[in-house]
Amino acid sequence: MERRTASLSAHACALTCALAAVACAPANLSRTLGAGNYELRAALGGPVFQNLGAPIPAPNLHLGGRVGLTDWMDLDGNLNLTATAFSLWAMDLAANFQLYRRPRGLAVATSARLFILGDLDDAPAARALPEVGLHLGAPLTRWLSLYGGVTSAAQFRAPEGKPPLFTTPFLGAEFLLPSRGKPRQHGLALHAGWTNPWEDNNAVVDYTTSRGALALHLGYRVRFGGLHR
């Protein structure tokens, strides 16, 4: 019985790590916030898998936020709360840089991020994955914005037979609620990403697509200041 419990626990940990490794918190980072402005957010979702039966997005719950350091640079971070339920930790920190911005028009930014994945019971076993990203976005109406781009995370000591890069094209739609004259704005986002669509699936996670990992997220954010940008 103890051996079976240990096996199930190990499988759960492996499953969670695999899901966390390809599931970053979704956000529209195409437009920096501006110095002194900040944003809080939560997101639920992840790679669509069927280890538990019917295909469903993995229930990764992320809490995160970002703050504007200058007009053209933000500091961003997220914590995966689902991983902590399995005594794991998955978090990331990033710097986001504005490349181009037109008020209420097209915005382009780039990001440099560091993912940290580890075991709360064995901290020295933590792994770090650097990532770079390109983000584009533009409002279609006063209440709807579209965004998209691509990110690529590297693992320098990839396990045998595993890819050294996790490249994820993504697309999202953000629905904005009226600010009603207040210096804050609420938004709801639907986000889809497809990690390594050219790779055959060969992992503990039973992804539903025949190649790569398709991920779906539902996100919420509240932004304080910088709404004119």
C-alpha atoms as a PDB file:
ATOM      1  CA  MET A   1       0.000   0.000   0.000  1.00  0.00           C
ATOM      2  CA  GLU A   2       2.832   2.428   0.860  1.00  0.00           C
ATOM      3  CA  ARG A   3       4.600   1.585  -2.389  1.00  0.00           C
ATOM      4  CA  ARG A   4       1.398   2.263  -4.371  1.00  0.00           C
ATOM      5  CA  THR A   5       0.832   5.570  -2.553  1.00  0.00           C
ATOM      6  CA  ALA A   6       4.404   6.650  -3.262  1.00  0.00           C
ATOM      7  CA  SER A   7       3.974   5.717  -6.920  1.00  0.00           C
ATOM      8  CA  LEU A   8       0.775   7.743  -7.207  1.00  0.00           C
ATOM      9  CA  SER A   9       2.428  10.681  -5.486  1.00  0.00           C
ATOM     10  CA  ALA A  10       5.406  10.556  -7.840  1.00  0.00           C
ATOM     11  CA  HIS A  11       3.086  10.382 -10.843  1.00  0.00           C
ATOM     12  CA  ALA A  12       1.103  13.378  -9.573  1.00  0.00           C
ATOM     13  CA  CYS A  13       4.307  15.371  -9.086  1.00  0.00           C
ATOM     14  CA  ALA A  14       5.582  14.450 -12.551  1.00  0.00           C
ATOM     15  CA  LEU A  15       2.225  15.369 -14.056  1.00  0.00           C
ATOM     16  CA  THR A  16       2.147  18.712 -12.280  1.00  0.00           C
ATOM     17  CA  CYS A  17       5.726  19.555 -13.269  1.00  0.00           C
ATOM     18  CA  ALA A  18       5.036  18.692 -16.893  1.00  0.00           C
ATOM     19  CA  LEU A  19       1.906  20.853 -16.917  1.00  0.00           C
ATOM     20  CA  ALA A  20       3.634  23.765 -15.200  1.00  0.00           C
ATOM     21  CA  ALA A  21       6.588  23.655 -17.571  1.00  0.00           C
ATOM     22  CA  VAL A  22       4.407  24.550 -20.574  1.00  0.00           C
ATOM     23  CA  ALA A  23       1.772  26.669 -18.812  1.00  0.00           C
ATOM     24  CA  CYS A  24       2.674  30.268 -18.153  1.00  0.00           C
ATOM     25  CA  ALA A  25       0.191  32.791 -16.834  1.00  0.00           C
ATOM     26  CA  PRO A  26      -1.534  34.585 -19.727  1.00  0.00           C
ATOM     27  CA  ALA A  27      -1.351  38.370 -19.972  1.00  0.00           C
ATOM     28  CA  ASN A  28      -1.474  41.098 -22.571  1.00  0.00           C
ATOM     29  CA  LEU A  29       2.034  42.557 -22.224  1.00  0.00           C
ATOM     30  CA  SER A  30       2.038  44.495 -25.485  1.00  0.00           C
ATOM     31  CA  ARG A  31       1.658  47.841 -23.712  1.00  0.00           C
ATOM     32  CA  THR A  32       3.737  48.931 -20.712  1.00  0.00           C
ATOM     33  CA  LEU A  33       1.920  50.486 -17.766  1.00  0.00           C
ATOM     34  CA  GLY A  34       3.933  53.659 -17.257  1.00  0.00           C
ATOM     35  CA  ALA A  35       5.982  54.643 -14.222  1.00  0.00           C
ATOM     36  CA  GLY A  36       4.151  54.142 -10.914  1.00  0.00           C
ATOM     37  CA  ASN A  37       1.127  52.329 -12.397  1.00  0.00           C
ATOM     38  CA  TYR A  38       0.432  48.693 -11.570  1.00  0.00           C
ATOM     39  CA  GLU A  39      -1.751  45.697 -12.391  1.00  0.00           C
ATOM     40  CA  LEU A  40      -3.004  42.683 -10.428  1.00  0.00           C
ATOM     41  CA  ARG A  41      -4.267  39.535 -12.138  1.00  0.00           C
ATOM     42  CA  ALA A  42      -5.439  35.945 -11.773  1.00  0.00           C
ATOM     43  CA  ALA A  43      -5.732  33.201 -14.379  1.00  0.00           C
ATOM     44  CA  LEU A  44      -7.096  29.657 -14.525  1.00  0.00           C
ATOM     45  CA  GLY A  45      -6.205  27.112 -17.165  1.00  0.00           C
ATOM     46  CA  GLY A  46      -3.348  25.346 -18.871  1.00  0.00           C
ATOM     47  CA  PRO A  47      -2.561  22.637 -21.426  1.00  0.00           C
ATOM     48  CA  VAL A  48      -5.550  20.587 -22.551  1.00  0.00           C
ATOM     49  CA  PHE A  49      -4.970  17.012 -21.356  1.00  0.00           C
ATOM     50  CA  GLN A  50      -6.999  13.832 -20.842  1.00  0.00           C
ATOM     51  CA  ASN A  51      -5.204  11.926 -18.089  1.00  0.00           C
ATOM     52  CA  LEU A  52      -8.404  12.177 -16.021  1.00  0.00           C
ATOM     53  CA  GLY A  53     -10.823  11.249 -18.813  1.00  0.00           C
ATOM     54  CA  ALA A  54     -12.457  13.904 -21.011  1.00  0.00           C
ATOM     55  CA  PRO A  55     -10.123  16.566 -22.435  1.00  0.00           C
ATOM     56  CA  ILE A  56      -9.942  19.579 -20.105  1.00  0.00           C
ATOM     57  CA  PRO A  57      -7.522  22.474 -19.572  1.00  0.00           C
ATOM     58  CA  ALA A  58      -5.205  21.765 -16.656  1.00  0.00           C
ATOM     59  CA  PRO A  59      -6.485  23.682 -13.579  1.00  0.00           C
ATOM     60  CA  ASN A  60      -3.384  25.811 -13.078  1.00  0.00           C
ATOM     61  CA  LEU A  61      -4.308  28.787 -10.894  1.00  0.00           C
ATOM     62  CA  HIS A  62      -1.906  31.707 -11.270  1.00  0.00           C
ATOM     63  CA  LEU A  63      -1.728  34.905  -9.259  1.00  0.00           C
ATOM     64  CA  GLY A  64       0.476  37.675 -10.572  1.00  0.00           C
ATOM     65  CA  GLY A  65       0.984  41.290 -11.353  1.00  0.00           C
ATOM     66  CA  ARG A  66       3.278  43.908 -12.797  1.00  0.00           C
ATOM     67  CA  VAL A  67       4.405  47.415 -12.016  1.00  0.00           C
ATOM     68  CA  GLY A  68       5.639  50.194 -14.273  1.00  0.00           C
ATOM     69  CA  LEU A  69       9.234  51.151 -13.465  1.00  0.00           C
ATOM     70  CA  THR A  70       9.641  53.668 -16.284  1.00  0.00           C
ATOM     71  CA  ASP A  71       7.602  54.783 -19.279  1.00  0.00           C
ATOM     72  CA  TRP A  72       9.058  51.927 -21.332  1.00  0.00           C
ATOM     73  CA  MET A  73       9.771  49.152 -18.774  1.00  0.00           C
ATOM     74  CA  ASP A  74       7.638  46.974 -16.457  1.00  0.00           C
ATOM     75  CA  LEU A  75       8.518  44.353 -13.848  1.00  0.00           C
ATOM     76  CA  ASP A  76       6.221  41.307 -14.072  1.00  0.00           C
ATOM     77  CA  GLY A  77       5.783  38.153 -11.967  1.00  0.00           C
ATOM     78  CA  ASN A  78       3.503  35.157 -11.379  1.00  0.00           C
ATOM     79  CA  LEU A  79       3.060  32.282  -8.913  1.00  0.00           C
ATOM     80  CA  ASN A  80       1.401  28.948  -9.788  1.00  0.00           C
ATOM     81  CA  LEU A  81      -0.772  28.077  -6.771  1.00  0.00           C
ATOM     82  CA  THR A  82      -1.786  24.674  -8.158  1.00  0.00           C
ATOM     83  CA  ALA A  83       1.811  23.465  -8.006  1.00  0.00           C
ATOM     84  CA  THR A  84       2.008  24.279  -4.286  1.00  0.00           C
ATOM     85  CA  ALA A  85      -0.826  21.798  -3.645  1.00  0.00           C
ATOM     86  CA  PHE A  86       1.653  19.066  -4.706  1.00  0.00           C
ATOM     87  CA  SER A  87       4.521  20.519  -2.610  1.00  0.00           C
ATOM     88  CA  LEU A  88       6.008  22.000  -5.757  1.00  0.00           C
ATOM     89  CA  TRP A  89       6.707  25.591  -6.614  1.00  0.00           C
ATOM     90  CA  ALA A  90       6.517  27.263  -9.995  1.00  0.00           C
ATOM     91  CA  MET A  91       7.044  30.978 -10.361  1.00  0.00           C
ATOM     92  CA  ASP A  92       8.448  33.465 -12.831  1.00  0.00           C
ATOM     93  CA  LEU A  93       9.856  36.977 -12.955  1.00  0.00           C
ATOM     94  CA  ALA A  94      10.207  39.132 -16.054  1.00  0.00           C
ATOM     95  CA  ALA A  95      11.215  42.511 -17.402  1.00  0.00           C
ATOM     96  CA  ASN A  96       8.961  43.860 -20.150  1.00  0.00           C
ATOM     97  CA  PHE A  97      10.237  46.515 -22.604  1.00  0.00           C
ATOM     98  CA  GLN A  98       8.187  48.740 -24.921  1.00  0.00           C
ATOM     99  CA  LEU A  99       9.430  48.727 -28.518  1.00  0.00           C
ATOM    100  CA  TYR A 100       6.621  50.722 -30.118  1.00  0.00           C
ATOM    101  CA  ARG A 101       3.392  52.254 -28.858  1.00  0.00           C
ATOM    102  CA  ARG A 102       0.696  54.401 -30.370  1.00  0.00           C
ATOM    103  CA  PRO A 103      -1.938  55.676 -27.893  1.00  0.00           C
ATOM    104  CA  ARG A 104      -5.080  53.573 -28.366  1.00  0.00           C
ATOM    105  CA  GLY A 105      -3.375  51.884 -31.323  1.00  0.00           C
ATOM    106  CA  LEU A 106      -0.786  49.209 -32.084  1.00  0.00           C
ATOM    107  CA  ALA A 107       1.712  48.384 -29.334  1.00  0.00           C
ATOM    108  CA  VAL A 108       4.761  46.096 -29.517  1.00  0.00           C
ATOM    109  CA  ALA A 109       6.872  44.916 -26.579  1.00  0.00           C
ATOM    110  CA  THR A 110       9.512  42.312 -25.777  1.00  0.00           C
ATOM    111  CA  SER A 111      10.021  40.395 -22.533  1.00  0.00           C
ATOM    112  CA  ALA A 112      12.840  38.547 -20.778  1.00  0.00           C
ATOM    113  CA  ARG A 113      11.546  36.039 -18.225  1.00  0.00           C
ATOM    114  CA  LEU A 114      12.982  33.468 -15.828  1.00  0.00           C
ATOM    115  CA  PHE A 115      10.858  30.452 -14.806  1.00  0.00           C
ATOM    116  CA  ILE A 116      11.807  28.677 -11.576  1.00  0.00           C
ATOM    117  CA  LEU A 117      10.424  25.172 -10.980  1.00  0.00           C
ATOM    118  CA  GLY A 118      11.245  23.101  -7.919  1.00  0.00           C
ATOM    119  CA  ASP A 119      10.281  20.768  -5.107  1.00  0.00           C
ATOM    120  CA  LEU A 120       9.416  22.412  -1.772  1.00  0.00           C
ATOM    121  CA  ASP A 121      10.910  19.357  -0.025  1.00  0.00           C
ATOM    122  CA  ASP A 122      14.134  19.454  -2.058  1.00  0.00           C
ATOM    123  CA  ALA A 123      14.951  23.090  -2.864  1.00  0.00           C
ATOM    124  CA  PRO A 124      18.398  22.378  -4.378  1.00  0.00           C
ATOM    125  CA  ALA A 125      16.630  20.428  -7.139  1.00  0.00           C
ATOM    126  CA  ALA A 126      15.081  23.629  -8.540  1.00  0.00           C
ATOM    127  CA  ARG A 127      15.360  24.261 -12.272  1.00  0.00           C
ATOM    128  CA  ALA A 128      15.482  27.618 -14.052  1.00  0.00           C
ATOM    129  CA  LEU A 129      14.285  28.197 -17.608  1.00  0.00           C
ATOM    130  CA  PRO A 130      14.986  31.546 -19.319  1.00  0.00           C
ATOM    131  CA  GLU A 131      12.412  32.809 -21.821  1.00  0.00           C
ATOM    132  CA  VAL A 132      12.180  35.626 -24.347  1.00  0.00           C
ATOM    133  CA  GLY A 133       8.940  36.879 -25.844  1.00  0.00           C
ATOM    134  CA  LEU A 134       7.476  39.194 -28.463  1.00  0.00           C
ATOM    135  CA  HIS A 135       4.059  40.750 -27.748  1.00  0.00           C
ATOM    136  CA  LEU A 136       1.744  42.690 -30.063  1.00  0.00           C
ATOM    137  CA  GLY A 137      -1.680  44.142 -29.319  1.00  0.00           C
ATOM    138  CA  ALA A 138      -4.223  46.716 -30.423  1.00  0.00           C
ATOM    139  CA  PRO A 139      -7.754  47.761 -29.389  1.00  0.00           C
ATOM    140  CA  LEU A 140     -10.554  46.997 -31.825  1.00  0.00           C
ATOM    141  CA  THR A 141     -13.154  48.968 -29.887  1.00  0.00           C
ATOM    142  CA  ARG A 142     -13.274  50.750 -26.524  1.00  0.00           C
ATOM    143  CA  TRP A 143     -14.176  47.446 -24.855  1.00  0.00           C
ATOM    144  CA  LEU A 144     -12.271  44.830 -26.903  1.00  0.00           C
ATOM    145  CA  SER A 145      -8.541  44.368 -27.553  1.00  0.00           C
ATOM    146  CA  LEU A 146      -6.735  41.615 -29.426  1.00  0.00           C
ATOM    147  CA  TYR A 147      -3.188  40.532 -28.674  1.00  0.00           C
ATOM    148  CA  GLY A 148      -0.767  37.843 -29.732  1.00  0.00           C
ATOM    149  CA  GLY A 149       2.862  36.940 -30.172  1.00  0.00           C
ATOM    150  CA  VAL A 150       5.354  34.196 -29.422  1.00  0.00           C
ATOM    151  CA  THR A 151       7.512  33.115 -26.480  1.00  0.00           C
ATOM    152  CA  SER A 152      10.433  30.701 -26.365  1.00  0.00           C
ATOM    153  CA  ALA A 153      11.801  29.140 -23.158  1.00  0.00           C
ATOM    154  CA  ALA A 154      15.074  27.184 -23.086  1.00  0.00           C
ATOM    155  CA  GLN A 155      16.211  24.258 -20.940  1.00  0.00           C
ATOM    156  CA  PHE A 156      19.980  23.955 -21.215  1.00  0.00           C
ATOM    157  CA  ARG A 157      20.112  20.423 -19.798  1.00  0.00           C
ATOM    158  CA  ALA A 158      17.117  18.879 -21.516  1.00  0.00           C
ATOM    159  CA  PRO A 159      16.351  15.231 -20.639  1.00  0.00           C
ATOM    160  CA  GLU A 160      17.224  12.747 -23.355  1.00  0.00           C
ATOM    161  CA  GLY A 161      14.657  12.830 -26.126  1.00  0.00           C
ATOM    162  CA  LYS A 162      13.110  16.095 -24.913  1.00  0.00           C
ATOM    163  CA  PRO A 163      13.259  19.418 -26.785  1.00  0.00           C
ATOM    164  CA  PRO A 164      15.702  22.126 -25.648  1.00  0.00           C
ATOM    165  CA  LEU A 165      13.181  24.855 -26.475  1.00  0.00           C
ATOM    166  CA  PHE A 166       9.507  25.391 -25.587  1.00  0.00           C
ATOM    167  CA  THR A 167       8.220  27.798 -28.258  1.00  0.00           C
ATOM    168  CA  THR A 168       4.644  29.016 -27.884  1.00  0.00           C
ATOM    169  CA  PRO A 169       2.706  31.114 -30.398  1.00  0.00           C
ATOM    170  CA  PHE A 170      -0.321  32.631 -28.630  1.00  0.00           C
ATOM    171  CA  LEU A 171      -3.441  34.675 -29.321  1.00  0.00           C
ATOM    172  CA  GLY A 172      -5.867  36.353 -26.929  1.00  0.00           C
ATOM    173  CA  ALA A 173      -8.942  38.566 -26.710  1.00  0.00           C
ATOM    174  CA  GLU A 174      -9.353  40.949 -23.780  1.00  0.00           C
ATOM    175  CA  PHE A 175     -12.765  42.350 -22.875  1.00  0.00           C
ATOM    176  CA  LEU A 176     -12.526  45.666 -21.005  1.00  0.00           C
ATOM    177  CA  LEU A 177     -15.106  46.878 -18.525  1.00  0.00           C
ATOM    178  CA  PRO A 178     -15.911  50.630 -18.427  1.00  0.00           C
ATOM    179  CA  SER A 179     -13.743  52.537 -15.947  1.00  0.00           C
ATOM    180  CA  ARG A 180     -16.603  54.985 -15.216  1.00  0.00           C
ATOM    181  CA  GLY A 181     -14.168  57.820 -14.653  1.00  0.00           C
ATOM    182  CA  LYS A 182     -12.116  55.936 -12.054  1.00  0.00           C
ATOM    183  CA  PRO A 183      -8.324  55.503 -12.442  1.00  0.00           C
ATOM    184  CA  ARG A 184      -8.645  51.735 -12.673  1.00  0.00           C
ATOM    185  CA  GLN A 185      -9.900  49.274 -15.253  1.00  0.00           C
ATOM    186  CA  HIS A 186     -11.064  45.651 -15.087  1.00  0.00           C
ATOM    187  CA  GLY A 187     -10.522  43.172 -17.913  1.00  0.00           C
ATOM    188  CA  LEU A 188     -11.405  39.577 -18.777  1.00  0.00           C
ATOM    189  CA  ALA A 189      -9.265  37.634 -21.239  1.00  0.00           C
ATOM    190  CA  LEU A 190      -9.547  34.434 -23.255  1.00  0.00           C
ATOM    191  CA  HIS A 191      -6.068  33.173 -24.098  1.00  0.00           C
ATOM    192  CA  ALA A 192      -4.885  30.279 -26.298  1.00  0.00           C
ATOM    193  CA  GLY A 193      -1.307  29.085 -26.818  1.00  0.00           C
ATOM    194  CA  TRP A 194       0.249  26.154 -28.663  1.00  0.00           C
ATOM    195  CA  THR A 195       3.635  24.991 -27.377  1.00  0.00           C
ATOM    196  CA  ASN A 196       5.960  23.198 -29.840  1.00  0.00           C
ATOM    197  CA  PRO A 197       3.233  22.345 -32.400  1.00  0.00           C
ATOM    198  CA  TRP A 198       5.833  20.502 -34.507  1.00  0.00           C
ATOM    199  CA  GLU A 199       6.739  18.040 -31.718  1.00  0.00           C
ATOM    200  CA  ASP A 200       5.263  14.554 -31.258  1.00  0.00           C
ATOM    201  CA  ASN A 201       3.746  14.052 -27.814  1.00  0.00           C
ATOM    202  CA  ASN A 202       5.818  11.759 -25.640  1.00  0.00           C
ATOM    203  CA  ALA A 203       5.351  12.684 -21.992  1.00  0.00           C
ATOM    204  CA  VAL A 204       3.613  11.705 -18.774  1.00  0.00           C
ATOM    205  CA  VAL A 205       0.922  14.226 -19.806  1.00  0.00           C
ATOM    206  CA  ASP A 206      -1.614  12.842 -22.304  1.00  0.00           C
ATOM    207  CA  TYR A 207      -2.154  15.982 -24.398  1.00  0.00           C
ATOM    208  CA  THR A 208      -5.180  15.977 -26.678  1.00  0.00           C
ATOM    209  CA  THR A 209      -3.444  17.321 -29.790  1.00  0.00           C
ATOM    210  CA  SER A 210      -1.267  14.921 -31.758  1.00  0.00           C
ATOM    211  CA  ARG A 211       1.567  17.456 -31.721  1.00  0.00           C
ATOM    212  CA  GLY A 212       2.694  19.920 -29.089  1.00  0.00           C
ATOM    213  CA  ALA A 213       0.508  21.167 -26.266  1.00  0.00           C
ATOM    214  CA  LEU A 214      -2.564  23.349 -26.780  1.00  0.00           C
ATOM    215  CA  ALA A 215      -3.341  25.515 -23.739  1.00  0.00           C
ATOM    216  CA  LEU A 216      -6.475  27.498 -22.858  1.00  0.00           C
ATOM    217  CA  HIS A 217      -6.780  30.114 -20.095  1.00  0.00           C
ATOM    218  CA  LEU A 218      -9.371  32.433 -18.628  1.00  0.00           C
ATOM    219  CA  GLY A 219      -7.820  35.534 -17.090  1.00  0.00           C
ATOM    220  CA  TYR A 220      -8.884  38.524 -15.022  1.00  0.00           C
ATOM    221  CA  ARG A 221      -6.900  41.688 -14.297  1.00  0.00           C
ATOM    222  CA  VAL A 222      -7.400  45.078 -12.705  1.00  0.00           C
ATOM    223  CA  ARG A 223      -5.135  47.935 -13.763  1.00  0.00           C
ATOM    224  CA  PHE A 224      -4.461  51.013 -11.645  1.00  0.00           C
ATOM    225  CA  GLY A 225      -3.434  54.050 -13.672  1.00  0.00           C
ATOM    226  CA  GLY A 226      -2.062  54.441 -17.188  1.00  0.00           C
ATOM    227  CA  LEU A 227      -5.451  53.893 -18.863  1.00  0.00           C
ATOM    228  CA  HIS A 228      -4.748  56.583 -21.488  1.00  0.00           C
ATOM    229  CA  ARG A 229      -1.884  54.490 -22.920  1.00  0.00           C
END
